Amino acid sequence: MIELDEVAKDLDAFVRNLSLEERRKLAREAVIRRNQSENDPTSRLILRCLADDKQAMPPRKLSALRVFCTPFEDLLVDDPKEAEDSRVPLLPRSIILPLWRWLGSEEALDEALVRHTAAIDAAIAGKDPLQIARHADILHDQCLNLLRQLHEQRRNLPLEIESNFRGDVLTPLMRMMGQRHDVARMHRIVPRLVREFSGEAVEELRELFEDMQEGDPADLSLLCAAAMLRMAHPYHILRLIRSISRFRHDVQLAESEFSLAVGKLLDDNDAIIASIPAYCPVADRPEDVLRPLIRFARHFIRFTGELNVERRGPWGQRLLAQRARVSELMRGYLSSLYSQCMAQLPLPPTTPRSPYPPLNLREALRPGAVKRAGNLSLFVATAHSYADRMAYAGAMTDCEQDLYKAFEYYSDQFLIMIPLLEEEYHPQAAGHATVLATFLKSLEGEEMAELFLRRVRHAGLDMDNALQP
């Protein structure tokens, strides 16, 4: 399940600034690439960003096979490994054609499949939705009966399917086909890749689920997960769960029909945490750490805000364990942040006896120092925003205090040294002042950074001639 996270949001903003013709070309190329490769995350992400752009997206050609797949289309994924590793019973798209041919080869269905397929194709050509629905319902009913017989007989799947996918195929197919009318109702309430889950939609979906309460809980569980998979932001499903189960806490909910969907969201949290590198030069690539940090923090806040999560409950215990892992990773990054910041200033390495070695304003500006200072400042500011919720506030405070003291000291030393500096070194010094001002802006605000630069100019440095790395 791909969520529209920070990376996708950046791509989404870029795509929406393109002209209509450029978006159409991008959509056509993405469709071609997706069809050529079972696992192409880039084209899948582009298509998700363009999903609600009806002008740009090439029309999806309706066919009998597509109609056949409608009840279980939300469970289809491009990557077989994603399907095999998922808590929700997903199905790789690569099994669809072999499955279709297999059903058509069974004597009990071959004539009916040909007849109803032809009728559906004719109804599609004639643009007759009522006839499409009528023949599709008959076809699904006959396919479902055959699948149940094959399942009871413990028949092996065709080698073409079993060699590409080791998961259970028949059970999710039978469950979704068996409740296809409820699936169709859910599809009308939750459009594919819907970005906003309105209160009206929550109420309609709640009514659907209440109508299904007398049925098999496993059917309701799978339908809830399917609804979640249709959403651009899967955690919106928590609003529905809160609406239906407002008086239950997670100890009870973990054993309910919602456990499958929520378990998938918690699995997604594990995947987000696993994407945070154990080591990353945040001076060069802060986004490698910050993007998954922000995603997990938002998910955590959604969970605790939408659901009555108790510390002793299974979901609460798992969330706390996940947060502890994030907290540990962030404390590790914060422990090395001071040295990375000092490395952007013209300083020799620090030692315990000399925590504040003297500035050398004659030293050439280090390559990339201004950009790295900006990256580190971004890291500090973003990490600060989530420190309390993600339980690393103590380490964050210690890091910020150390940086605050160091930059206060060096800003004062900087102003003392300028009058003593030969004019030929002024461009280098002005570059160092830019680096220091970048850090001051992050820790003390834009006003203090501007004050420092005004004092630097007053001391005799021409900031317009600052050397850039």
Protein backbone atom coordinates (compact mmCIF):
# COMPACT_ATOMS: atom_id res chain seq x y z
CA MET A 1 0.00 0.00 0.00
CA ILE A 2 1.56 3.27 -1.10
CA GLU A 3 0.49 6.29 0.84
CA LEU A 4 0.71 9.85 -0.48
CA ASP A 5 3.53 10.75 1.90
CA GLU A 6 5.92 13.71 1.77
CA VAL A 7 7.71 12.42 -1.34
CA ALA A 8 4.42 11.96 -3.15
CA LYS A 9 3.21 15.37 -2.01
CA ASP A 10 6.28 16.99 -3.60
CA LEU A 11 5.66 15.05 -6.81
CA ASP A 12 1.95 15.88 -6.64
CA ALA A 13 2.71 19.61 -6.40
CA PHE A 14 5.11 19.36 -9.36
CA VAL A 15 2.65 17.41 -11.50
CA ARG A 16 -0.20 19.82 -10.85
CA ASN A 17 1.90 22.72 -12.12
CA LEU A 18 2.36 21.03 -15.50
CA SER A 19 0.20 21.92 -18.48
CA LEU A 20 -2.66 19.61 -19.44
CA GLU A 21 -0.73 18.29 -22.45
CA GLU A 22 2.34 17.59 -20.30
CA ARG A 23 0.19 15.77 -17.72
CA ARG A 24 -1.41 13.66 -20.45
CA LYS A 25 2.00 12.71 -21.84
CA LEU A 26 3.28 11.88 -18.36
CA ALA A 27 0.21 9.72 -17.66
CA ARG A 28 0.56 7.82 -20.96
CA GLU A 29 4.24 7.10 -20.31
CA ALA A 30 3.51 6.00 -16.73
CA VAL A 31 0.80 3.60 -17.90
CA ILE A 32 3.14 2.09 -20.50
CA ARG A 33 5.94 1.65 -17.95
CA ARG A 34 3.58 0.13 -15.39
CA ASN A 35 2.27 -2.38 -17.93
CA GLN A 36 5.80 -3.32 -18.95
CA SER A 37 7.01 -3.94 -15.40
CA GLU A 38 5.24 -5.63 -12.49
CA ASN A 39 7.24 -3.62 -9.96
CA ASP A 40 7.78 -0.02 -11.05
CA PRO A 41 7.17 2.18 -7.97
CA THR A 42 7.88 5.41 -9.86
CA SER A 43 5.15 4.96 -12.46
CA ARG A 44 2.74 3.73 -9.78
CA LEU A 45 3.40 6.86 -7.72
CA ILE A 46 2.88 9.13 -10.74
CA LEU A 47 -0.42 7.42 -11.54
CA ARG A 48 -1.57 7.81 -7.94
CA CYS A 49 -0.87 11.54 -8.13
CA LEU A 50 -2.83 11.78 -11.38
CA ALA A 51 -5.63 9.42 -10.34
CA ASP A 52 -8.26 12.13 -9.86
CA ASP A 53 -7.17 14.16 -12.92
CA LYS A 54 -9.80 12.90 -15.36
CA GLN A 55 -8.56 15.23 -18.13
CA ALA A 56 -5.01 13.91 -18.03
CA MET A 57 -5.51 10.21 -17.35
CA PRO A 58 -6.09 7.99 -20.38
CA PRO A 59 -9.56 6.42 -20.15
CA ARG A 60 -9.58 2.98 -18.57
CA LYS A 61 -10.96 0.70 -21.23
CA LEU A 62 -13.77 -1.37 -19.80
CA SER A 63 -13.73 -5.08 -20.62
CA ALA A 64 -15.32 -8.28 -19.41
CA LEU A 65 -12.11 -9.15 -17.57
CA ARG A 66 -12.08 -5.78 -15.80
CA VAL A 67 -15.74 -6.25 -14.83
CA PHE A 68 -14.87 -9.71 -13.48
CA CYS A 69 -12.15 -8.17 -11.28
CA THR A 70 -14.35 -5.39 -9.86
CA PRO A 71 -15.30 -7.12 -6.56
CA PHE A 72 -11.66 -7.76 -5.62
CA GLU A 73 -9.89 -4.93 -7.49
CA ASP A 74 -8.93 -3.20 -4.22
CA LEU A 75 -6.83 -6.23 -3.24
CA LEU A 76 -4.76 -6.18 -6.45
CA VAL A 77 -1.14 -5.02 -6.30
CA ASP A 78 1.67 -4.97 -8.84
CA ASP A 79 4.37 -6.53 -6.66
CA PRO A 80 3.91 -10.24 -5.74
CA LYS A 81 6.23 -9.81 -2.75
CA GLU A 82 4.03 -7.05 -1.37
CA ALA A 83 1.09 -9.43 -1.61
CA GLU A 84 2.95 -12.28 0.07
CA ASP A 85 4.22 -10.12 2.95
CA SER A 86 0.93 -8.34 3.63
CA ARG A 87 -1.33 -8.97 6.61
CA VAL A 88 -4.30 -8.12 4.37
CA PRO A 89 -4.78 -10.92 1.79
CA LEU A 90 -3.62 -9.06 -1.32
CA LEU A 91 -3.40 -10.56 -4.81
CA PRO A 92 -0.75 -9.83 -7.46
CA ARG A 93 -2.12 -8.66 -10.79
CA SER A 94 0.05 -11.23 -12.53
CA ILE A 95 -2.35 -14.03 -11.48
CA ILE A 96 -5.44 -12.51 -13.14
CA LEU A 97 -4.94 -13.77 -16.70
CA PRO A 98 -3.89 -17.28 -15.60
CA LEU A 99 -6.88 -17.36 -13.26
CA TRP A 100 -9.24 -16.21 -16.03
CA ARG A 101 -7.91 -18.87 -18.41
CA TRP A 102 -8.11 -21.52 -15.68
CA LEU A 103 -11.76 -20.77 -14.94
CA GLY A 104 -12.54 -20.85 -18.65
CA SER A 105 -10.91 -24.26 -18.97
CA GLU A 106 -13.18 -25.85 -16.35
CA GLU A 107 -15.98 -27.83 -17.97
CA ALA A 108 -18.55 -26.59 -15.45
CA LEU A 109 -17.99 -22.99 -16.52
CA ASP A 110 -16.47 -22.86 -20.00
CA GLU A 111 -19.71 -22.32 -21.96
CA ALA A 112 -21.18 -19.89 -19.40
CA LEU A 113 -17.95 -17.90 -19.27
CA VAL A 114 -17.89 -17.53 -23.06
CA ARG A 115 -21.58 -16.63 -23.22
CA HIS A 116 -21.58 -14.02 -20.44
CA THR A 117 -18.24 -12.58 -21.50
CA ALA A 118 -19.67 -11.99 -24.97
CA ALA A 119 -22.82 -10.47 -23.45
CA ILE A 120 -20.77 -8.13 -21.23
CA ASP A 121 -18.60 -7.04 -24.17
CA ALA A 122 -21.75 -6.37 -26.23
CA ALA A 123 -23.28 -4.37 -23.40
CA ILE A 124 -20.05 -2.37 -23.06
CA ALA A 125 -20.09 -1.61 -26.78
CA GLY A 126 -23.76 -0.63 -26.52
CA LYS A 127 -23.12 1.45 -23.41
CA ASP A 128 -25.78 -0.41 -21.47
CA PRO A 129 -24.78 -0.41 -17.77
CA LEU A 130 -27.86 -2.36 -16.69
CA GLN A 131 -27.01 -5.28 -19.00
CA ILE A 132 -23.37 -5.12 -17.91
CA ALA A 133 -24.43 -5.39 -14.27
CA ARG A 134 -26.96 -8.19 -14.96
CA HIS A 135 -24.54 -10.44 -16.84
CA ALA A 136 -21.68 -9.62 -14.45
CA ASP A 137 -23.80 -10.68 -11.48
CA ILE A 138 -24.60 -14.01 -13.14
CA LEU A 139 -20.98 -14.54 -14.12
CA HIS A 140 -19.73 -13.77 -10.60
CA ASP A 141 -22.29 -16.11 -9.10
CA GLN A 142 -21.25 -18.99 -11.35
CA CYS A 143 -17.53 -18.30 -10.83
CA LEU A 144 -18.09 -18.19 -7.07
CA ASN A 145 -19.83 -21.57 -7.09
CA LEU A 146 -17.00 -23.09 -9.09
CA LEU A 147 -14.32 -21.58 -6.81
CA ARG A 148 -16.09 -23.00 -3.77
CA GLN A 149 -16.20 -26.45 -5.36
CA LEU A 150 -12.51 -26.28 -6.27
CA HIS A 151 -11.68 -25.12 -2.75
CA GLU A 152 -13.64 -27.98 -1.18
CA GLN A 153 -11.94 -30.47 -3.51
CA ARG A 154 -8.54 -29.00 -2.51
CA ARG A 155 -7.68 -28.61 -6.17
CA ASN A 156 -4.24 -27.26 -6.93
CA LEU A 157 -3.99 -23.93 -8.68
CA PRO A 158 -2.36 -23.81 -12.11
CA LEU A 159 1.44 -23.91 -11.99
CA GLU A 160 1.52 -20.47 -13.67
CA ILE A 161 -0.12 -19.02 -10.55
CA GLU A 162 1.59 -21.13 -7.86
CA SER A 163 5.06 -20.49 -9.29
CA ASN A 164 4.59 -16.70 -9.01
CA PHE A 165 2.60 -16.43 -5.79
CA ARG A 166 2.70 -18.57 -2.65
CA GLY A 167 -0.23 -16.91 -0.89
CA ASP A 168 -3.89 -17.89 -0.60
CA VAL A 169 -5.76 -16.96 -3.78
CA LEU A 170 -9.15 -18.61 -3.43
CA THR A 171 -10.22 -17.38 0.01
CA PRO A 172 -10.05 -13.61 -0.66
CA LEU A 173 -11.56 -14.13 -4.11
CA MET A 174 -14.51 -16.03 -2.67
CA ARG A 175 -15.05 -13.59 0.16
CA MET A 176 -15.05 -10.50 -2.09
CA MET A 177 -17.18 -12.14 -4.79
CA GLY A 178 -19.61 -13.41 -2.16
CA GLN A 179 -20.18 -9.88 -0.87
CA ARG A 180 -19.92 -8.15 -4.25
CA HIS A 181 -23.11 -6.13 -3.71
CA ASP A 182 -21.72 -4.72 -0.46
CA VAL A 183 -18.41 -4.09 -2.26
CA ALA A 184 -20.26 -2.15 -4.97
CA ARG A 185 -22.01 -0.09 -2.28
CA MET A 186 -18.66 0.60 -0.62
CA HIS A 187 -17.19 1.70 -3.97
CA ARG A 188 -19.94 4.27 -4.39
CA ILE A 189 -19.19 5.69 -0.93
CA VAL A 190 -15.39 5.59 -1.19
CA PRO A 191 -14.12 6.64 -4.64
CA ARG A 192 -10.77 5.19 -5.62
CA LEU A 193 -7.85 7.10 -4.05
CA VAL A 194 -10.18 9.54 -2.32
CA ARG A 195 -8.11 12.19 -0.55
CA GLU A 196 -10.74 13.57 1.81
CA PHE A 197 -12.98 11.28 3.85
CA SER A 198 -16.03 13.43 4.63
CA GLY A 199 -18.33 13.07 7.60
CA GLU A 200 -21.12 12.09 5.21
CA ALA A 201 -19.00 9.28 3.77
CA VAL A 202 -18.13 8.09 7.29
CA GLU A 203 -21.83 7.93 8.15
CA GLU A 204 -22.75 6.04 4.95
CA LEU A 205 -19.95 3.54 5.44
CA ARG A 206 -20.95 3.09 9.07
CA GLU A 207 -24.49 2.26 7.94
CA LEU A 208 -23.13 -0.29 5.46
CA PHE A 209 -21.07 -1.98 8.15
CA GLU A 210 -24.00 -2.05 10.54
CA ASP A 211 -26.10 -3.73 7.84
CA MET A 212 -23.38 -6.41 7.59
CA GLN A 213 -23.18 -7.11 11.34
CA GLU A 214 -25.30 -10.27 11.04
CA GLY A 215 -22.96 -11.79 8.46
CA ASP A 216 -19.52 -13.40 8.68
CA PRO A 217 -17.15 -11.13 10.67
CA ALA A 218 -14.32 -12.14 8.32
CA ASP A 219 -16.25 -10.62 5.38
CA LEU A 220 -16.71 -7.37 7.24
CA SER A 221 -13.04 -7.35 8.25
CA LEU A 222 -11.89 -7.76 4.66
CA LEU A 223 -14.33 -5.15 3.36
CA CYS A 224 -13.05 -2.66 5.95
CA ALA A 225 -9.49 -3.32 4.82
CA ALA A 226 -10.52 -2.96 1.16
CA ALA A 227 -12.13 0.42 1.91
CA MET A 228 -8.90 1.52 3.58
CA LEU A 229 -6.84 0.44 0.57
CA ARG A 230 -8.95 2.70 -1.68
CA MET A 231 -7.94 5.80 0.32
CA ALA A 232 -5.02 8.02 -0.61
CA HIS A 233 -4.43 8.42 3.15
CA PRO A 234 -5.23 5.00 4.67
CA TYR A 235 -5.28 6.29 8.24
CA HIS A 236 -8.60 8.00 7.43
CA ILE A 237 -10.17 4.62 8.15
CA LEU A 238 -9.60 5.37 11.84
CA ARG A 239 -12.39 7.95 11.66
CA LEU A 240 -14.78 5.21 10.64
CA ILE A 241 -13.59 2.88 13.39
CA ARG A 242 -14.04 5.65 15.96
CA SER A 243 -17.55 6.34 14.65
CA ILE A 244 -18.61 2.71 14.93
CA SER A 245 -16.75 1.84 18.13
CA ARG A 246 -16.74 5.07 20.10
CA PHE A 247 -17.27 3.28 23.42
CA ARG A 248 -14.64 0.59 22.96
CA HIS A 249 -10.92 0.85 23.64
CA ASP A 250 -8.17 -0.94 21.76
CA VAL A 251 -8.15 -4.00 24.04
CA GLN A 252 -11.61 -4.81 22.67
CA LEU A 253 -11.06 -3.43 19.16
CA ALA A 254 -7.96 -5.59 18.65
CA GLU A 255 -10.25 -8.63 18.69
CA SER A 256 -12.88 -7.04 16.47
CA GLU A 257 -13.55 -6.93 12.74
CA PHE A 258 -11.30 -3.87 12.52
CA SER A 259 -8.14 -5.67 13.62
CA LEU A 260 -7.13 -6.51 10.03
CA ALA A 261 -7.19 -2.90 8.81
CA VAL A 262 -5.55 -1.46 11.92
CA GLY A 263 -2.96 -4.23 11.92
CA LYS A 264 -2.07 -3.24 8.34
CA LEU A 265 -1.63 0.38 9.43
CA LEU A 266 0.65 -0.73 12.26
CA ASP A 267 2.60 -2.87 9.79
CA ASP A 268 2.97 0.22 7.63
CA ASN A 269 4.42 2.02 10.67
CA ASP A 270 7.04 -0.72 10.97
CA ALA A 271 7.92 -0.25 7.30
CA ILE A 272 8.25 3.52 7.82
CA ILE A 273 10.57 3.01 10.79
CA ALA A 274 12.63 0.48 8.83
CA SER A 275 13.16 3.17 6.16
CA ILE A 276 14.91 5.46 8.68
CA PRO A 277 18.61 4.77 8.14
CA ALA A 278 20.69 3.85 11.19
CA TYR A 279 23.27 6.33 9.94
CA CYS A 280 22.82 9.17 7.49
CA PRO A 281 24.90 12.35 6.91
CA VAL A 282 22.02 14.68 7.73
CA ALA A 283 24.17 17.67 6.73
CA ASP A 284 23.82 16.39 3.15
CA ARG A 285 20.53 14.44 3.16
CA PRO A 286 18.29 15.47 6.06
CA GLU A 287 15.18 14.36 4.16
CA ASP A 288 16.27 10.71 4.43
CA VAL A 289 15.55 10.92 8.16
CA LEU A 290 12.96 13.70 8.35
CA ARG A 291 10.44 12.30 5.85
CA PRO A 292 9.92 8.97 7.62
CA LEU A 293 10.04 10.75 10.99
CA ILE A 294 7.20 13.07 9.93
CA ARG A 295 5.18 10.21 8.43
CA PHE A 296 5.44 8.08 11.55
CA ALA A 297 4.75 11.02 13.88
CA ARG A 298 1.60 11.90 11.93
CA HIS A 299 0.42 8.30 12.00
CA PHE A 300 1.10 8.11 15.74
CA ILE A 301 -0.81 11.33 16.37
CA ARG A 302 -3.72 10.09 14.23
CA PHE A 303 -3.88 6.81 16.14
CA THR A 304 -3.85 8.38 19.57
CA GLY A 305 -6.22 11.16 18.48
CA GLU A 306 -8.82 9.05 16.68
CA LEU A 307 -8.89 5.91 18.83
CA ASN A 308 -9.10 5.27 22.54
CA VAL A 309 -5.68 3.61 22.66
CA GLU A 310 -4.65 2.28 26.06
CA ARG A 311 -1.05 1.65 27.08
CA ARG A 312 -1.90 -1.86 28.26
CA GLY A 313 -3.77 -2.75 25.06
CA PRO A 314 -2.11 -4.58 22.16
CA TRP A 315 -2.27 -1.59 19.83
CA GLY A 316 -1.05 0.75 22.55
CA GLN A 317 1.85 -1.56 23.38
CA ARG A 318 2.83 -1.85 19.76
CA LEU A 319 2.60 1.91 19.17
CA LEU A 320 4.76 2.60 22.22
CA ALA A 321 7.35 0.07 21.06
CA GLN A 322 7.39 1.70 17.61
CA ARG A 323 7.80 5.15 19.13
CA ALA A 324 10.64 3.87 21.33
CA ARG A 325 12.50 2.73 18.21
CA VAL A 326 12.04 6.13 16.56
CA SER A 327 13.12 7.87 19.76
CA GLU A 328 16.28 5.79 19.94
CA LEU A 329 17.15 6.55 16.32
CA MET A 330 16.59 10.28 16.81
CA ARG A 331 18.67 10.39 20.00
CA GLY A 332 21.49 8.81 18.01
CA TYR A 333 21.28 11.52 15.35
CA LEU A 334 21.09 14.29 17.93
CA SER A 335 24.20 12.99 19.71
CA SER A 336 26.29 13.67 16.59
CA LEU A 337 24.53 16.85 15.50
CA TYR A 338 26.77 19.23 17.46
CA SER A 339 29.95 17.99 15.79
CA GLN A 340 28.32 18.16 12.35
CA CYS A 341 27.28 21.77 12.94
CA MET A 342 30.73 22.78 14.22
CA ALA A 343 32.30 21.16 11.15
CA GLN A 344 30.71 23.88 8.97
CA LEU A 345 32.60 26.63 10.84
CA PRO A 346 36.32 27.46 10.41
CA LEU A 347 37.38 25.54 13.50
CA PRO A 348 39.92 22.86 14.35
CA PRO A 349 38.49 19.67 15.86
CA THR A 350 37.16 20.17 19.37
CA THR A 351 38.69 18.40 22.38
CA PRO A 352 37.48 18.01 25.97
CA ARG A 353 40.06 20.62 27.05
CA SER A 354 39.09 23.06 24.34
CA PRO A 355 35.34 22.88 23.74
CA TYR A 356 35.38 26.26 21.97
CA PRO A 357 38.57 26.44 19.83
CA PRO A 358 39.24 29.81 18.18
CA LEU A 359 37.73 30.78 14.85
CA ASN A 360 40.08 31.07 11.88
CA LEU A 361 38.37 33.61 9.63
CA ARG A 362 41.27 33.42 7.18
CA GLU A 363 40.38 29.83 6.37
CA ALA A 364 38.68 29.21 3.03
CA LEU A 365 34.98 28.52 3.21
CA ARG A 366 34.46 24.77 3.31
CA PRO A 367 32.76 23.32 0.20
CA GLY A 368 29.01 23.17 0.63
CA ALA A 369 29.12 24.80 4.09
CA VAL A 370 26.21 27.18 3.49
CA LYS A 371 23.98 24.43 2.09
CA ARG A 372 24.95 22.03 4.89
CA ALA A 373 24.23 24.69 7.49
CA GLY A 374 20.78 25.09 5.97
CA ASN A 375 20.23 21.33 5.99
CA LEU A 376 21.34 21.01 9.60
CA SER A 377 19.17 23.95 10.62
CA LEU A 378 16.20 22.31 8.92
CA PHE A 379 16.96 19.09 10.77
CA VAL A 380 17.08 20.88 14.13
CA ALA A 381 13.85 22.79 13.51
CA THR A 382 11.92 19.75 12.26
CA ALA A 383 13.24 17.42 14.95
CA HIS A 384 12.25 20.00 17.58
CA SER A 385 8.65 20.02 16.29
CA TYR A 386 8.19 16.31 17.05
CA ALA A 387 10.45 15.91 20.08
CA ASP A 388 7.70 15.82 22.72
CA ARG A 389 5.37 13.46 20.83
CA MET A 390 8.21 11.14 19.83
CA ALA A 391 9.77 11.00 23.32
CA TYR A 392 13.23 12.41 22.66
CA ALA A 393 12.61 15.86 24.19
CA GLY A 394 15.45 15.51 26.71
CA ALA A 395 18.04 14.77 24.05
CA MET A 396 16.60 17.56 21.89
CA THR A 397 16.90 20.10 24.71
CA ASP A 398 20.50 19.09 25.49
CA CYS A 399 21.47 19.35 21.83
CA GLU A 400 19.83 22.75 21.36
CA GLN A 401 21.39 24.15 24.53
CA ASP A 402 24.87 23.04 23.45
CA LEU A 403 24.38 24.59 20.03
CA TYR A 404 22.89 27.77 21.51
CA LYS A 405 25.88 28.29 23.81
CA ALA A 406 28.39 27.59 21.04
CA PHE A 407 26.77 29.91 18.49
CA GLU A 408 26.33 32.69 21.06
CA TYR A 409 30.03 32.41 21.90
CA TYR A 410 31.17 32.36 18.29
CA SER A 411 28.92 35.21 17.19
CA ASP A 412 30.53 37.41 19.88
CA GLN A 413 34.04 36.21 18.93
CA PHE A 414 33.27 36.84 15.28
CA LEU A 415 32.53 40.52 15.93
CA ILE A 416 35.67 40.92 18.05
CA MET A 417 37.91 39.44 15.33
CA ILE A 418 36.63 41.43 12.33
CA PRO A 419 38.56 44.67 13.09
CA LEU A 420 41.76 42.59 13.45
CA LEU A 421 41.31 40.81 10.12
CA GLU A 422 43.26 41.83 7.00
CA GLU A 423 40.96 43.15 4.26
CA GLU A 424 42.05 40.48 1.79
CA TYR A 425 40.31 37.86 4.01
CA HIS A 426 37.04 39.77 4.26
CA PRO A 427 35.28 37.74 1.50
CA GLN A 428 36.07 34.46 3.31
CA ALA A 429 34.92 35.95 6.62
CA ALA A 430 31.67 37.17 5.04
CA GLY A 431 31.01 33.61 3.84
CA HIS A 432 31.58 32.27 7.36
CA ALA A 433 29.20 34.92 8.69
CA THR A 434 26.50 33.60 6.32
CA VAL A 435 26.97 30.09 7.73
CA LEU A 436 26.78 31.29 11.32
CA ALA A 437 23.71 33.44 10.58
CA THR A 438 21.98 30.37 9.10
CA PHE A 439 22.44 28.50 12.36
CA LEU A 440 21.36 31.50 14.47
CA LYS A 441 18.16 31.83 12.44
CA SER A 442 17.23 28.23 13.23
CA LEU A 443 17.96 28.42 16.97
CA GLU A 444 17.12 32.00 17.88
CA GLY A 445 14.90 33.21 15.06
CA GLU A 446 15.22 35.39 11.98
CA GLU A 447 15.41 38.61 13.98
CA MET A 448 18.54 37.51 15.85
CA ALA A 449 20.18 36.33 12.64
CA GLU A 450 19.50 39.68 10.97
CA LEU A 451 20.85 41.52 14.02
CA PHE A 452 24.07 39.51 13.83
CA LEU A 453 24.49 40.33 10.12
CA ARG A 454 23.85 44.04 10.75
CA ARG A 455 26.53 44.03 13.45
CA VAL A 456 28.89 42.24 11.06
CA ARG A 457 28.33 44.94 8.43
CA HIS A 458 28.80 47.65 11.01
CA ALA A 459 32.11 46.04 12.03
CA GLY A 460 33.36 46.48 8.44
CA LEU A 461 32.46 43.35 6.45
CA ASP A 462 30.85 43.74 3.03
CA MET A 463 28.35 40.88 2.98
CA ASP A 464 27.60 41.50 -0.71
CA ASN A 465 31.09 40.18 -1.55
CA ALA A 466 30.81 37.02 0.54
CA LEU A 467 32.53 34.01 -1.01
CA GLN A 468 30.19 31.13 -1.83
CA PRO A 469 31.42 27.53 -1.79
